[in-house]
Amino acid sequence: MLLFWENTTSTELMKTALYQVFLFSLLASLAGCGSIPIQSNVKADAKPEFRSILVVSNLSTVEPTYLPTFQTAFPVGYQVCTVSNSPISFDSPEESIEKQRQTCQSEVVLTIDFNRNYTYGIGKSISSRNELYLEMKSLATGRPFWKAIVTTGSYWEVPPKWIIRQLIKDGVIEGVIR
């Protein structure tokens, strides 16, 4: 809502409008700090029974402590191993995945990948968002049974508990988040 005054110049009106847009954007972003929007889809008839999961990150920039948090975040009864397919890794992504799959006897793989980046806003109030693509598929059949798009702020890492919460909500896994 713009405030109009009789003796206000167009420059002042423009400043007021930009200020109100900035305040609205700031309040909207603060209201969303507690969660990350996750859009997901499940193909129930392709979902296998599983207890061993391989989490694969294809993200180029994540903290070394990020993937290990998946190992302790899944509900009790799930065995979780991780692989980071970093651009500076000497093994090919396929080799890294196969080594861990054999070591852990994983039945499914949860892949976290970059989808796109976009920016919005004007002037000093430009914001950036990353969109990540998550997919879970059976290693026996190679068929995906869960897919999701996660929109984050300017950071890459989605807290594992938020992903796991969505997997429980979608009926892909059972249990309580640790």
N, C-alpha and C. Protein backbone atom coordinates (compact mmCIF):
# COMPACT_ATOMS: atom_id res chain seq x y z
N MET A 1 0.84 -1.15 0.00
CA MET A 1 0.00 0.00 0.00
C MET A 1 0.90 1.23 0.00
N LEU A 2 0.64 2.14 -0.90
CA LEU A 2 1.44 3.35 -1.00
C LEU A 2 0.78 4.48 -0.24
N LEU A 3 1.58 5.32 0.35
CA LEU A 3 1.07 6.49 1.05
C LEU A 3 1.17 7.68 0.11
N PHE A 4 0.05 8.34 -0.18
CA PHE A 4 0.05 9.48 -1.08
C PHE A 4 -0.19 10.76 -0.28
N TRP A 5 0.61 11.74 -0.56
CA TRP A 5 0.49 13.04 0.08
C TRP A 5 0.34 14.07 -1.02
N GLU A 6 -0.37 15.13 -0.73
CA GLU A 6 -0.67 16.12 -1.76
C GLU A 6 0.59 16.78 -2.33
N ASN A 7 1.54 17.10 -1.52
CA ASN A 7 2.73 17.82 -1.97
C ASN A 7 3.94 16.90 -2.11
N THR A 8 3.74 15.65 -2.44
CA THR A 8 4.83 14.69 -2.56
C THR A 8 5.29 14.64 -4.01
N THR A 9 6.62 14.68 -4.22
CA THR A 9 7.16 14.61 -5.57
C THR A 9 7.16 13.17 -6.06
N SER A 10 7.31 12.98 -7.35
CA SER A 10 7.33 11.62 -7.90
C SER A 10 8.56 10.85 -7.42
N THR A 11 9.66 11.54 -7.17
CA THR A 11 10.86 10.88 -6.64
C THR A 11 10.60 10.36 -5.23
N GLU A 12 9.94 11.16 -4.42
CA GLU A 12 9.61 10.72 -3.07
C GLU A 12 8.64 9.55 -3.09
N LEU A 13 7.68 9.60 -4.01
CA LEU A 13 6.73 8.48 -4.14
C LEU A 13 7.46 7.20 -4.55
N MET A 14 8.40 7.34 -5.46
CA MET A 14 9.17 6.18 -5.92
C MET A 14 9.99 5.59 -4.77
N LYS A 15 10.63 6.46 -3.98
CA LYS A 15 11.40 6.00 -2.83
C LYS A 15 10.50 5.28 -1.82
N THR A 16 9.34 5.84 -1.58
CA THR A 16 8.40 5.23 -0.65
C THR A 16 7.95 3.86 -1.16
N ALA A 17 7.65 3.78 -2.44
CA ALA A 17 7.22 2.51 -3.02
C ALA A 17 8.33 1.47 -2.93
N LEU A 18 9.55 1.84 -3.26
CA LEU A 18 10.67 0.91 -3.17
C LEU A 18 10.93 0.47 -1.74
N TYR A 19 10.81 1.41 -0.81
CA TYR A 19 11.00 1.08 0.60
C TYR A 19 9.95 0.08 1.07
N GLN A 20 8.70 0.28 0.67
CA GLN A 20 7.63 -0.63 1.06
C GLN A 20 7.81 -2.01 0.43
N VAL A 21 8.27 -2.06 -0.81
CA VAL A 21 8.55 -3.34 -1.47
C VAL A 21 9.67 -4.05 -0.73
N PHE A 22 10.70 -3.30 -0.37
CA PHE A 22 11.82 -3.88 0.38
C PHE A 22 11.34 -4.44 1.72
N LEU A 23 10.55 -3.67 2.46
CA LEU A 23 10.05 -4.13 3.76
C LEU A 23 9.18 -5.38 3.60
N PHE A 24 8.32 -5.39 2.60
CA PHE A 24 7.47 -6.56 2.37
C PHE A 24 8.32 -7.78 2.05
N SER A 25 9.34 -7.62 1.20
CA SER A 25 10.23 -8.73 0.85
C SER A 25 10.99 -9.24 2.07
N LEU A 26 11.46 -8.31 2.90
CA LEU A 26 12.19 -8.69 4.11
C LEU A 26 11.28 -9.47 5.06
N LEU A 27 10.07 -8.98 5.27
CA LEU A 27 9.14 -9.68 6.16
C LEU A 27 8.77 -11.06 5.60
N ALA A 28 8.58 -11.14 4.31
CA ALA A 28 8.24 -12.43 3.69
C ALA A 28 9.40 -13.42 3.83
N SER A 29 10.61 -12.94 3.66
CA SER A 29 11.76 -13.85 3.79
C SER A 29 11.96 -14.27 5.24
N LEU A 30 11.73 -13.39 6.19
CA LEU A 30 11.86 -13.75 7.60
C LEU A 30 10.78 -14.74 8.02
N ALA A 31 9.61 -14.62 7.47
CA ALA A 31 8.53 -15.55 7.82
C ALA A 31 8.84 -16.96 7.36
N GLY A 32 9.66 -17.11 6.32
CA GLY A 32 9.99 -18.43 5.79
C GLY A 32 11.28 -19.02 6.30
N CYS A 33 11.89 -18.44 7.33
CA CYS A 33 13.18 -18.92 7.81
C CYS A 33 13.14 -20.31 8.43
N GLY A 34 11.98 -20.74 8.94
CA GLY A 34 11.92 -21.99 9.66
C GLY A 34 11.81 -23.22 8.80
N SER A 35 11.59 -23.07 7.52
CA SER A 35 11.46 -24.25 6.67
C SER A 35 11.88 -23.92 5.25
N ILE A 36 12.09 -24.97 4.51
CA ILE A 36 12.45 -24.85 3.10
C ILE A 36 11.34 -25.51 2.30
N PRO A 37 10.84 -24.82 1.27
CA PRO A 37 9.78 -25.45 0.48
C PRO A 37 10.30 -26.67 -0.28
N ILE A 38 9.62 -27.78 -0.08
CA ILE A 38 9.96 -29.02 -0.78
C ILE A 38 8.72 -29.49 -1.53
N GLN A 39 8.86 -29.63 -2.84
CA GLN A 39 7.79 -30.21 -3.66
C GLN A 39 8.24 -31.61 -4.01
N SER A 40 7.40 -32.61 -3.70
CA SER A 40 7.82 -33.98 -3.95
C SER A 40 6.72 -34.79 -4.61
N ASN A 41 7.14 -35.92 -5.15
CA ASN A 41 6.23 -36.82 -5.83
C ASN A 41 6.71 -38.25 -5.59
N VAL A 42 5.77 -39.16 -5.32
CA VAL A 42 6.10 -40.55 -5.03
C VAL A 42 5.41 -41.45 -6.05
N LYS A 43 6.15 -42.42 -6.54
CA LYS A 43 5.56 -43.46 -7.39
C LYS A 43 5.49 -44.72 -6.52
N ALA A 44 4.36 -44.86 -5.83
CA ALA A 44 4.20 -45.88 -4.80
C ALA A 44 4.41 -47.30 -5.32
N ASP A 45 3.99 -47.58 -6.54
CA ASP A 45 4.11 -48.95 -7.05
C ASP A 45 5.55 -49.32 -7.41
N ALA A 46 6.44 -48.35 -7.46
CA ALA A 46 7.86 -48.63 -7.75
C ALA A 46 8.72 -48.63 -6.49
N LYS A 47 8.13 -48.29 -5.33
CA LYS A 47 8.89 -48.18 -4.08
C LYS A 47 9.19 -49.56 -3.51
N PRO A 48 10.49 -49.88 -3.39
CA PRO A 48 10.85 -51.17 -2.80
C PRO A 48 10.91 -51.09 -1.27
N GLU A 49 10.93 -52.22 -0.63
CA GLU A 49 11.21 -52.27 0.81
C GLU A 49 12.73 -52.14 0.93
N PHE A 50 13.19 -51.30 1.84
CA PHE A 50 14.63 -51.10 1.99
C PHE A 50 14.96 -50.66 3.40
N ARG A 51 16.19 -50.88 3.78
CA ARG A 51 16.73 -50.43 5.07
C ARG A 51 18.13 -49.85 4.92
N SER A 52 18.73 -49.99 3.74
CA SER A 52 20.08 -49.50 3.51
C SER A 52 20.07 -48.46 2.39
N ILE A 53 20.53 -47.26 2.72
CA ILE A 53 20.44 -46.11 1.81
C ILE A 53 21.83 -45.55 1.54
N LEU A 54 22.08 -45.24 0.29
CA LEU A 54 23.30 -44.54 -0.10
C LEU A 54 22.90 -43.12 -0.48
N VAL A 55 23.43 -42.12 0.23
CA VAL A 55 23.15 -40.72 -0.06
C VAL A 55 24.32 -40.19 -0.88
N VAL A 56 24.01 -39.69 -2.08
CA VAL A 56 25.03 -39.19 -3.00
C VAL A 56 24.81 -37.70 -3.23
N SER A 57 25.84 -36.92 -2.98
CA SER A 57 25.79 -35.49 -3.25
C SER A 57 26.58 -35.20 -4.52
N ASN A 58 25.91 -34.59 -5.49
CA ASN A 58 26.58 -34.13 -6.71
C ASN A 58 26.80 -32.62 -6.66
N LEU A 59 26.69 -32.05 -5.48
CA LEU A 59 26.88 -30.61 -5.31
C LEU A 59 28.36 -30.28 -5.27
N SER A 60 28.72 -29.19 -5.89
CA SER A 60 30.15 -28.86 -5.98
C SER A 60 30.69 -28.20 -4.71
N THR A 61 29.84 -27.54 -3.95
CA THR A 61 30.33 -26.85 -2.77
C THR A 61 29.48 -27.19 -1.55
N VAL A 62 29.94 -28.15 -0.77
CA VAL A 62 29.31 -28.46 0.51
C VAL A 62 30.39 -28.60 1.58
N GLU A 63 30.02 -28.32 2.79
CA GLU A 63 30.96 -28.46 3.90
C GLU A 63 31.28 -29.94 4.10
N PRO A 64 32.49 -30.27 4.50
CA PRO A 64 32.86 -31.67 4.74
C PRO A 64 32.00 -32.35 5.81
N THR A 65 31.42 -31.58 6.69
CA THR A 65 30.59 -32.15 7.76
C THR A 65 29.14 -32.39 7.34
N TYR A 66 28.76 -31.94 6.14
CA TYR A 66 27.36 -32.02 5.71
C TYR A 66 26.87 -33.46 5.54
N LEU A 67 27.52 -34.24 4.69
CA LEU A 67 27.05 -35.60 4.41
C LEU A 67 27.05 -36.52 5.63
N PRO A 68 28.04 -36.46 6.48
CA PRO A 68 27.99 -37.32 7.67
C PRO A 68 26.76 -37.10 8.56
N THR A 69 26.14 -35.92 8.49
CA THR A 69 24.95 -35.69 9.31
C THR A 69 23.77 -36.55 8.85
N PHE A 70 23.78 -37.01 7.61
CA PHE A 70 22.72 -37.91 7.13
C PHE A 70 22.78 -39.25 7.87
N GLN A 71 23.99 -39.68 8.21
CA GLN A 71 24.17 -40.99 8.84
C GLN A 71 23.51 -41.08 10.21
N THR A 72 23.38 -39.97 10.89
CA THR A 72 22.75 -39.98 12.21
C THR A 72 21.35 -39.39 12.22
N ALA A 73 20.89 -38.85 11.10
CA ALA A 73 19.58 -38.20 11.07
C ALA A 73 18.42 -39.14 10.71
N PHE A 74 18.71 -40.20 9.98
CA PHE A 74 17.63 -41.12 9.58
C PHE A 74 17.09 -41.85 10.80
N PRO A 75 15.83 -42.28 10.75
CA PRO A 75 15.26 -43.03 11.87
C PRO A 75 16.05 -44.31 12.16
N VAL A 76 15.92 -44.79 13.39
CA VAL A 76 16.57 -46.03 13.81
C VAL A 76 16.11 -47.15 12.87
N GLY A 77 17.05 -48.02 12.51
CA GLY A 77 16.73 -49.14 11.63
C GLY A 77 17.21 -48.95 10.20
N TYR A 78 17.64 -47.73 9.85
CA TYR A 78 18.15 -47.47 8.51
C TYR A 78 19.66 -47.35 8.57
N GLN A 79 20.33 -48.05 7.67
CA GLN A 79 21.78 -47.92 7.54
C GLN A 79 22.04 -46.93 6.42
N VAL A 80 22.87 -45.93 6.69
CA VAL A 80 23.11 -44.86 5.72
C VAL A 80 24.59 -44.71 5.46
N CYS A 81 24.96 -44.72 4.20
CA CYS A 81 26.32 -44.42 3.75
C CYS A 81 26.24 -43.21 2.83
N THR A 82 27.37 -42.53 2.64
CA THR A 82 27.36 -41.32 1.82
C THR A 82 28.51 -41.30 0.83
N VAL A 83 28.30 -40.55 -0.25
CA VAL A 83 29.32 -40.31 -1.27
C VAL A 83 29.22 -38.86 -1.71
N SER A 84 30.35 -38.19 -1.80
CA SER A 84 30.39 -36.84 -2.34
C SER A 84 31.09 -36.88 -3.69
N ASN A 85 30.35 -36.59 -4.73
CA ASN A 85 30.93 -36.55 -6.07
C ASN A 85 31.39 -35.13 -6.37
N SER A 86 32.49 -34.77 -5.77
CA SER A 86 33.06 -33.44 -5.92
C SER A 86 33.81 -33.35 -7.25
N PRO A 87 33.85 -32.17 -7.86
CA PRO A 87 34.62 -32.00 -9.09
C PRO A 87 36.12 -32.26 -8.89
N ILE A 88 36.60 -32.19 -7.65
CA ILE A 88 38.02 -32.41 -7.42
C ILE A 88 38.34 -33.84 -7.00
N SER A 89 37.33 -34.71 -7.04
CA SER A 89 37.55 -36.12 -6.72
C SER A 89 38.24 -36.82 -7.89
N PHE A 90 39.13 -37.76 -7.59
CA PHE A 90 39.84 -38.46 -8.65
C PHE A 90 39.05 -39.65 -9.20
N ASP A 91 38.17 -40.24 -8.38
CA ASP A 91 37.31 -41.31 -8.88
C ASP A 91 36.18 -40.71 -9.69
N SER A 92 35.74 -41.45 -10.68
CA SER A 92 34.57 -41.00 -11.43
C SER A 92 33.35 -41.16 -10.52
N PRO A 93 32.28 -40.41 -10.77
CA PRO A 93 31.08 -40.56 -9.94
C PRO A 93 30.58 -42.01 -9.89
N GLU A 94 30.62 -42.69 -11.01
CA GLU A 94 30.16 -44.08 -11.06
C GLU A 94 31.02 -44.98 -10.18
N GLU A 95 32.35 -44.78 -10.22
CA GLU A 95 33.26 -45.58 -9.39
C GLU A 95 33.01 -45.33 -7.90
N SER A 96 32.85 -44.08 -7.52
CA SER A 96 32.61 -43.74 -6.12
C SER A 96 31.32 -44.37 -5.61
N ILE A 97 30.28 -44.27 -6.42
CA ILE A 97 28.99 -44.83 -6.03
C ILE A 97 29.08 -46.34 -5.91
N GLU A 98 29.69 -46.98 -6.88
CA GLU A 98 29.77 -48.45 -6.87
C GLU A 98 30.59 -48.95 -5.68
N LYS A 99 31.69 -48.28 -5.36
CA LYS A 99 32.51 -48.68 -4.20
C LYS A 99 31.69 -48.64 -2.91
N GLN A 100 30.99 -47.52 -2.69
CA GLN A 100 30.19 -47.38 -1.47
C GLN A 100 29.00 -48.32 -1.48
N ARG A 101 28.38 -48.51 -2.62
CA ARG A 101 27.23 -49.41 -2.70
C ARG A 101 27.63 -50.82 -2.28
N GLN A 102 28.77 -51.28 -2.76
CA GLN A 102 29.24 -52.62 -2.41
C GLN A 102 29.64 -52.70 -0.93
N THR A 103 30.31 -51.68 -0.44
CA THR A 103 30.74 -51.67 0.96
C THR A 103 29.53 -51.68 1.90
N CYS A 104 28.52 -50.91 1.58
CA CYS A 104 27.36 -50.75 2.47
C CYS A 104 26.20 -51.68 2.14
N GLN A 105 26.28 -52.37 1.01
CA GLN A 105 25.17 -53.21 0.56
C GLN A 105 23.87 -52.39 0.47
N SER A 106 23.97 -51.20 -0.10
CA SER A 106 22.83 -50.29 -0.21
C SER A 106 21.80 -50.83 -1.18
N GLU A 107 20.53 -50.61 -0.82
CA GLU A 107 19.41 -51.06 -1.65
C GLU A 107 18.84 -49.93 -2.50
N VAL A 108 18.95 -48.70 -1.98
CA VAL A 108 18.45 -47.53 -2.70
C VAL A 108 19.50 -46.42 -2.64
N VAL A 109 19.35 -45.47 -3.54
CA VAL A 109 20.25 -44.32 -3.55
C VAL A 109 19.40 -43.04 -3.54
N LEU A 110 19.79 -42.11 -2.67
CA LEU A 110 19.18 -40.78 -2.62
C LEU A 110 20.22 -39.82 -3.17
N THR A 111 19.92 -39.21 -4.30
CA THR A 111 20.85 -38.30 -4.96
C THR A 111 20.41 -36.86 -4.75
N ILE A 112 21.37 -36.02 -4.39
CA ILE A 112 21.13 -34.58 -4.22
C ILE A 112 21.94 -33.88 -5.30
N ASP A 113 21.25 -33.14 -6.15
CA ASP A 113 21.89 -32.53 -7.29
C ASP A 113 21.44 -31.09 -7.46
N PHE A 114 22.27 -30.28 -8.07
CA PHE A 114 21.93 -28.90 -8.39
C PHE A 114 20.97 -28.89 -9.58
N ASN A 115 19.93 -28.09 -9.49
CA ASN A 115 18.99 -27.97 -10.61
C ASN A 115 19.14 -26.62 -11.31
N ARG A 116 19.03 -25.53 -10.55
CA ARG A 116 19.23 -24.20 -11.15
C ARG A 116 19.37 -23.15 -10.06
N ASN A 117 19.82 -21.96 -10.46
CA ASN A 117 19.96 -20.82 -9.58
C ASN A 117 19.21 -19.67 -10.22
N TYR A 118 18.54 -18.89 -9.41
CA TYR A 118 17.90 -17.70 -9.96
C TYR A 118 17.96 -16.56 -8.96
N THR A 119 17.92 -15.36 -9.49
CA THR A 119 17.95 -14.16 -8.66
C THR A 119 16.71 -13.33 -8.95
N TYR A 120 16.33 -12.54 -7.97
CA TYR A 120 15.18 -11.66 -8.16
C TYR A 120 15.38 -10.42 -7.29
N GLY A 121 14.62 -9.39 -7.58
CA GLY A 121 14.70 -8.15 -6.85
C GLY A 121 15.32 -7.06 -7.71
N ILE A 122 15.47 -5.90 -7.11
CA ILE A 122 16.05 -4.77 -7.83
C ILE A 122 17.04 -4.05 -6.92
N GLY A 123 18.01 -3.42 -7.52
CA GLY A 123 18.97 -2.61 -6.79
C GLY A 123 19.69 -3.37 -5.70
N LYS A 124 19.68 -2.79 -4.51
CA LYS A 124 20.39 -3.39 -3.39
C LYS A 124 19.62 -4.55 -2.76
N SER A 125 18.40 -4.76 -3.16
CA SER A 125 17.59 -5.82 -2.54
C SER A 125 17.49 -7.07 -3.43
N ILE A 126 18.55 -7.38 -4.16
CA ILE A 126 18.58 -8.57 -4.99
C ILE A 126 18.83 -9.79 -4.11
N SER A 127 18.05 -10.82 -4.31
CA SER A 127 18.21 -12.07 -3.57
C SER A 127 18.50 -13.19 -4.54
N SER A 128 19.11 -14.23 -4.02
CA SER A 128 19.46 -15.38 -4.84
C SER A 128 18.85 -16.63 -4.23
N ARG A 129 18.42 -17.55 -5.06
CA ARG A 129 17.87 -18.83 -4.62
C ARG A 129 18.53 -19.95 -5.41
N ASN A 130 18.72 -21.07 -4.74
CA ASN A 130 19.20 -22.28 -5.41
C ASN A 130 18.07 -23.29 -5.40
N GLU A 131 17.96 -24.01 -6.47
CA GLU A 131 16.96 -25.06 -6.56
C GLU A 131 17.72 -26.38 -6.70
N LEU A 132 17.45 -27.31 -5.80
CA LEU A 132 18.11 -28.60 -5.79
C LEU A 132 17.11 -29.67 -6.20
N TYR A 133 17.62 -30.68 -6.88
CA TYR A 133 16.80 -31.80 -7.31
C TYR A 133 17.22 -33.02 -6.50
N LEU A 134 16.25 -33.68 -5.88
CA LEU A 134 16.50 -34.90 -5.11
C LEU A 134 15.76 -36.05 -5.77
N GLU A 135 16.42 -37.19 -5.81
CA GLU A 135 15.80 -38.37 -6.41
C GLU A 135 16.22 -39.60 -5.61
N MET A 136 15.25 -40.46 -5.34
CA MET A 136 15.56 -41.73 -4.69
C MET A 136 15.14 -42.83 -5.65
N LYS A 137 16.08 -43.78 -5.88
CA LYS A 137 15.77 -44.87 -6.79
C LYS A 137 16.31 -46.19 -6.25
N SER A 138 15.71 -47.25 -6.73
CA SER A 138 16.13 -48.60 -6.38
C SER A 138 17.42 -48.92 -7.12
N LEU A 139 18.39 -49.48 -6.40
CA LEU A 139 19.62 -49.89 -7.07
C LEU A 139 19.44 -51.21 -7.81
N ALA A 140 18.44 -52.00 -7.42
CA ALA A 140 18.17 -53.27 -8.10
C ALA A 140 17.56 -53.05 -9.47
N THR A 141 16.62 -52.10 -9.57
CA THR A 141 15.92 -51.88 -10.84
C THR A 141 16.39 -50.63 -11.58
N GLY A 142 16.99 -49.68 -10.85
CA GLY A 142 17.39 -48.42 -11.46
C GLY A 142 16.24 -47.46 -11.66
N ARG A 143 15.05 -47.83 -11.17
CA ARG A 143 13.85 -47.00 -11.34
C ARG A 143 13.67 -46.04 -10.17
N PRO A 144 13.47 -44.75 -10.45
CA PRO A 144 13.20 -43.80 -9.38
C PRO A 144 11.78 -44.01 -8.82
N PHE A 145 11.63 -43.77 -7.51
CA PHE A 145 10.31 -43.87 -6.90
C PHE A 145 9.97 -42.65 -6.05
N TRP A 146 10.93 -41.73 -5.88
CA TRP A 146 10.66 -40.48 -5.16
C TRP A 146 11.49 -39.38 -5.80
N LYS A 147 10.86 -38.25 -6.07
CA LYS A 147 11.54 -37.09 -6.65
C LYS A 147 11.10 -35.84 -5.90
N ALA A 148 12.01 -34.89 -5.77
CA ALA A 148 11.67 -33.65 -5.08
C ALA A 148 12.51 -32.49 -5.62
N ILE A 149 11.93 -31.32 -5.53
CA ILE A 149 12.61 -30.06 -5.83
C ILE A 149 12.61 -29.27 -4.52
N VAL A 150 13.79 -28.80 -4.14
CA VAL A 150 13.95 -28.03 -2.91
C VAL A 150 14.50 -26.66 -3.27
N THR A 151 13.82 -25.62 -2.83
CA THR A 151 14.28 -24.26 -3.07
C THR A 151 14.90 -23.74 -1.78
N THR A 152 16.16 -23.35 -1.88
CA THR A 152 16.88 -22.85 -0.71
C THR A 152 17.18 -21.37 -0.89
N GLY A 153 17.80 -20.79 0.12
CA GLY A 153 18.31 -19.43 -0.02
C GLY A 153 19.55 -19.49 -0.88
N SER A 154 20.52 -18.69 -0.57
CA SER A 154 21.74 -18.67 -1.38
C SER A 154 22.69 -19.80 -1.00
N TYR A 155 22.30 -20.64 -0.08
CA TYR A 155 23.15 -21.74 0.35
C TYR A 155 22.79 -23.03 -0.40
N TRP A 156 23.69 -24.02 -0.33
CA TRP A 156 23.53 -25.26 -1.07
C TRP A 156 22.95 -26.38 -0.22
N GLU A 157 23.26 -26.38 1.04
CA GLU A 157 22.95 -27.52 1.89
C GLU A 157 21.53 -27.45 2.44
N VAL A 158 20.78 -28.53 2.23
CA VAL A 158 19.46 -28.68 2.79
C VAL A 158 19.62 -29.52 4.05
N PRO A 159 19.17 -29.04 5.20
CA PRO A 159 19.32 -29.84 6.41
C PRO A 159 18.72 -31.24 6.22
N PRO A 160 19.50 -32.28 6.52
CA PRO A 160 19.02 -33.65 6.34
C PRO A 160 17.67 -33.92 7.01
N LYS A 161 17.45 -33.33 8.17
CA LYS A 161 16.18 -33.58 8.88
C LYS A 161 14.98 -33.10 8.07
N TRP A 162 15.15 -32.05 7.29
CA TRP A 162 14.04 -31.56 6.48
C TRP A 162 13.74 -32.53 5.34
N ILE A 163 14.79 -33.09 4.75
CA ILE A 163 14.59 -34.09 3.69
C ILE A 163 13.94 -35.33 4.28
N ILE A 164 14.44 -35.78 5.41
CA ILE A 164 13.92 -36.98 6.06
C ILE A 164 12.47 -36.77 6.49
N ARG A 165 12.16 -35.60 6.99
CA ARG A 165 10.77 -35.27 7.37
C ARG A 165 9.85 -35.43 6.16
N GLN A 166 10.31 -34.97 4.99
CA GLN A 166 9.49 -35.09 3.78
C GLN A 166 9.36 -36.55 3.35
N LEU A 167 10.44 -37.32 3.47
CA LEU A 167 10.38 -38.75 3.13
C LEU A 167 9.39 -39.48 4.03
N ILE A 168 9.35 -39.14 5.31
CA ILE A 168 8.39 -39.75 6.23
C ILE A 168 6.97 -39.32 5.86
N LYS A 169 6.80 -38.04 5.61
CA LYS A 169 5.48 -37.49 5.24
C LYS A 169 4.94 -38.16 3.98
N ASP A 170 5.84 -38.42 3.02
CA ASP A 170 5.44 -39.06 1.76
C ASP A 170 5.29 -40.57 1.87
N GLY A 171 5.60 -41.15 3.02
CA GLY A 171 5.46 -42.60 3.21
C GLY A 171 6.58 -43.41 2.61
N VAL A 172 7.70 -42.77 2.29
CA VAL A 172 8.83 -43.47 1.69
C VAL A 172 9.63 -44.22 2.75
N ILE A 173 9.80 -43.59 3.92
CA ILE A 173 10.47 -44.25 5.04
C ILE A 173 9.54 -44.16 6.26
N GLU A 174 9.85 -44.98 7.26
CA GLU A 174 9.05 -45.00 8.48
C GLU A 174 9.95 -44.65 9.67
N GLY A 175 9.32 -44.14 10.71
CA GLY A 175 10.07 -43.88 11.93
C GLY A 175 9.97 -42.44 12.37
N VAL A 176 10.83 -42.12 13.33
CA VAL A 176 10.88 -40.79 13.92
C VAL A 176 12.27 -40.23 13.69
N ILE A 177 12.32 -38.96 13.35
CA ILE A 177 13.61 -38.30 13.14
C ILE A 177 14.37 -38.26 14.46
N ARG A 178 15.63 -38.61 14.40
CA ARG A 178 16.48 -38.58 15.62
C ARG A 178 16.76 -37.18 16.06
